[in-house]
Amino acid sequence: MDDTYLPRLADTMLDEKLAHARAVVVRGPKWCGKTMTSERHAKSALYLQDPREAQRIRLAVKVDPSLLLDGDRPRLIDEWQDAPQLWDAVRFDVDRARTPGQFILTGSATPGESPMHSGTGRFSFLNMRPASATCESMLSS
């Protein structure tokens, strides 16, 4: 883990959302810290833009997207919009488990195709903005 990470307001907000929501969607512009912040709260991760895993991910998305959900929870799914089928797989999975803090989905773009379900009642949303570090952290460094 990166020792230079400065805690952000979003860290506290993400903790609170994970304590109550089954899945949290972290949204915001590129390079605002969505992935880095989410990694600090996740116990496992799937990076959809990892070129080493691209072929395996594409195949799993076509055959059975739920195969990509296996991992310790909360599981980070980074750039979920690259495989919108994962949204519906996550929604179905959290309906079965019914416990909070199962998934963190990050993304900065709108998916090419819409998920079948809105995620209402299952997903909580955290909007991040650039430079959202806490003043306290900035003063102590």
Protein backbone atom coordinates (compact mmCIF):
# COMPACT_ATOMS: atom_id res chain seq x y z
CA MET A 1 0.00 0.00 0.00
CA ASP A 2 1.16 3.54 -0.73
CA ASP A 3 2.70 5.23 2.36
CA THR A 4 2.18 8.68 0.80
CA TYR A 5 -1.61 8.36 0.72
CA LEU A 6 -3.36 11.28 2.40
CA PRO A 7 -6.70 10.34 3.97
CA ARG A 8 -9.64 12.04 2.29
CA LEU A 9 -13.11 13.01 3.32
CA ALA A 10 -14.21 10.29 0.89
CA ASP A 11 -12.57 7.62 3.11
CA THR A 12 -14.94 8.35 5.98
CA MET A 13 -17.89 8.61 3.62
CA LEU A 14 -17.00 5.29 1.97
CA ASP A 15 -16.70 3.56 5.36
CA GLU A 16 -20.14 4.84 6.32
CA LYS A 17 -21.71 3.74 3.05
CA LEU A 18 -20.10 0.28 3.22
CA ALA A 19 -21.52 -0.16 6.72
CA HIS A 20 -25.07 0.27 5.42
CA ALA A 21 -25.25 -0.40 1.66
CA ARG A 22 -24.72 -3.73 -0.03
CA ALA A 23 -22.66 -2.12 -2.79
CA VAL A 24 -21.14 1.33 -3.21
CA VAL A 25 -20.55 3.00 -6.54
CA VAL A 26 -17.70 5.52 -6.42
CA ARG A 27 -18.06 8.02 -9.26
CA GLY A 28 -16.04 11.00 -10.37
CA PRO A 29 -13.76 12.40 -13.05
CA LYS A 30 -10.58 10.67 -14.11
CA TRP A 31 -7.64 11.03 -11.72
CA CYS A 32 -9.69 12.18 -8.71
CA GLY A 33 -8.59 9.17 -6.63
CA LYS A 34 -11.53 6.79 -7.00
CA THR A 35 -9.44 3.65 -7.41
CA MET A 36 -6.78 4.53 -4.85
CA THR A 37 -9.36 5.42 -2.22
CA SER A 38 -11.43 2.32 -2.95
CA GLU A 39 -8.39 0.02 -2.81
CA ARG A 40 -7.82 1.07 0.80
CA HIS A 41 -11.26 -0.27 1.73
CA ALA A 42 -11.36 -3.39 -0.46
CA LYS A 43 -10.16 -6.88 0.46
CA SER A 44 -9.93 -8.03 -3.17
CA ALA A 45 -10.04 -6.35 -6.58
CA LEU A 46 -10.86 -6.88 -10.23
CA TYR A 47 -9.30 -4.35 -12.61
CA LEU A 48 -11.21 -4.43 -15.88
CA GLN A 49 -8.54 -2.43 -17.68
CA ASP A 50 -5.68 -4.78 -16.74
CA PRO A 51 -4.25 -5.85 -20.13
CA ARG A 52 -2.83 -9.06 -18.63
CA GLU A 53 -6.35 -10.18 -17.70
CA ALA A 54 -8.32 -8.70 -20.63
CA GLN A 55 -8.92 -11.95 -22.49
CA ARG A 56 -10.01 -13.85 -19.37
CA ILE A 57 -12.29 -11.01 -18.30
CA ARG A 58 -13.94 -10.69 -21.73
CA LEU A 59 -14.59 -14.44 -21.81
CA ALA A 60 -16.03 -14.50 -18.28
CA VAL A 61 -18.28 -11.52 -19.05
CA LYS A 62 -19.70 -13.38 -22.07
CA VAL A 63 -20.06 -16.77 -20.39
CA ASP A 64 -20.96 -15.91 -16.78
CA PRO A 65 -20.19 -12.47 -15.30
CA SER A 66 -20.74 -13.79 -11.78
CA LEU A 67 -17.43 -15.69 -12.12
CA LEU A 68 -15.70 -12.32 -11.73
CA LEU A 69 -17.38 -11.62 -8.40
CA ASP A 70 -15.42 -14.27 -6.51
CA GLY A 71 -13.04 -12.80 -3.97
CA ASP A 72 -12.89 -11.46 -0.45
CA ARG A 73 -15.43 -8.78 0.36
CA PRO A 74 -15.67 -5.92 -0.06
CA ARG A 75 -14.56 -6.65 -3.62
CA LEU A 76 -13.49 -3.72 -5.77
CA ILE A 77 -14.57 -3.79 -9.40
CA ASP A 78 -12.59 -1.02 -11.05
CA GLU A 79 -14.02 0.60 -14.20
CA TRP A 80 -17.17 -1.53 -14.06
CA GLN A 81 -18.68 0.38 -16.98
CA ASP A 82 -16.34 -1.52 -19.33
CA ALA A 83 -18.52 -4.60 -18.66
CA PRO A 84 -22.01 -3.33 -17.75
CA GLN A 85 -23.20 -6.93 -17.30
CA LEU A 86 -21.30 -6.86 -14.01
CA TRP A 87 -23.77 -4.32 -12.59
CA ASP A 88 -26.62 -6.80 -12.92
CA ALA A 89 -24.45 -9.66 -11.63
CA VAL A 90 -23.55 -7.59 -8.55
CA ARG A 91 -27.18 -6.61 -8.02
CA PHE A 92 -28.26 -10.26 -8.15
CA ASP A 93 -25.43 -11.33 -5.85
CA VAL A 94 -26.17 -8.73 -3.17
CA ASP A 95 -29.85 -9.67 -3.25
CA ARG A 96 -28.89 -13.21 -2.29
CA ALA A 97 -26.37 -12.34 0.46
CA ARG A 98 -28.26 -9.33 1.90
CA THR A 99 -25.32 -8.04 3.94
CA PRO A 100 -23.74 -4.60 3.65
CA GLY A 101 -20.30 -3.82 2.31
CA GLN A 102 -20.00 -6.48 -0.38
CA PHE A 103 -18.82 -4.52 -3.42
CA ILE A 104 -17.20 -1.25 -4.41
CA LEU A 105 -17.64 -0.31 -8.06
CA THR A 106 -15.60 2.53 -9.52
CA GLY A 107 -16.01 4.32 -12.80
CA SER A 108 -15.73 7.67 -14.47
CA ALA A 109 -17.58 7.01 -17.71
CA THR A 110 -21.12 6.13 -18.64
CA PRO A 111 -21.52 2.51 -19.72
CA GLY A 112 -22.06 1.78 -23.43
CA GLU A 113 -25.19 -0.17 -22.61
CA SER A 114 -27.53 0.29 -19.69
CA PRO A 115 -27.79 -2.32 -16.95
CA MET A 116 -31.11 -4.14 -16.71
CA HIS A 117 -31.75 -2.85 -13.18
CA SER A 118 -31.20 0.59 -11.63
CA GLY A 119 -29.71 -0.81 -8.43
CA THR A 120 -32.25 1.00 -6.25
CA GLY A 121 -32.09 -0.23 -2.68
CA ARG A 122 -28.84 -2.09 -3.25
CA PHE A 123 -26.33 0.51 -4.41
CA SER A 124 -25.24 3.65 -2.64
CA PHE A 125 -23.38 6.35 -4.56
CA LEU A 126 -20.31 8.31 -3.56
CA ASN A 127 -19.33 11.19 -5.83
CA MET A 128 -15.68 12.14 -5.57
CA ARG A 129 -14.13 15.37 -6.69
CA PRO A 130 -10.46 16.21 -7.26
CA ALA A 131 -8.46 17.43 -4.25
CA SER A 132 -10.78 15.97 -1.63
CA ALA A 133 -8.06 15.41 0.98
CA THR A 134 -8.91 16.47 4.51
CA CYS A 135 -7.46 19.74 5.77
CA GLU A 136 -6.19 17.94 8.85
CA SER A 137 -4.18 15.51 6.74
CA MET A 138 -2.75 18.32 4.66
CA LEU A 139 -1.71 20.27 7.75
CA SER A 140 0.00 17.27 9.36
CA SER A 141 2.19 16.45 6.37
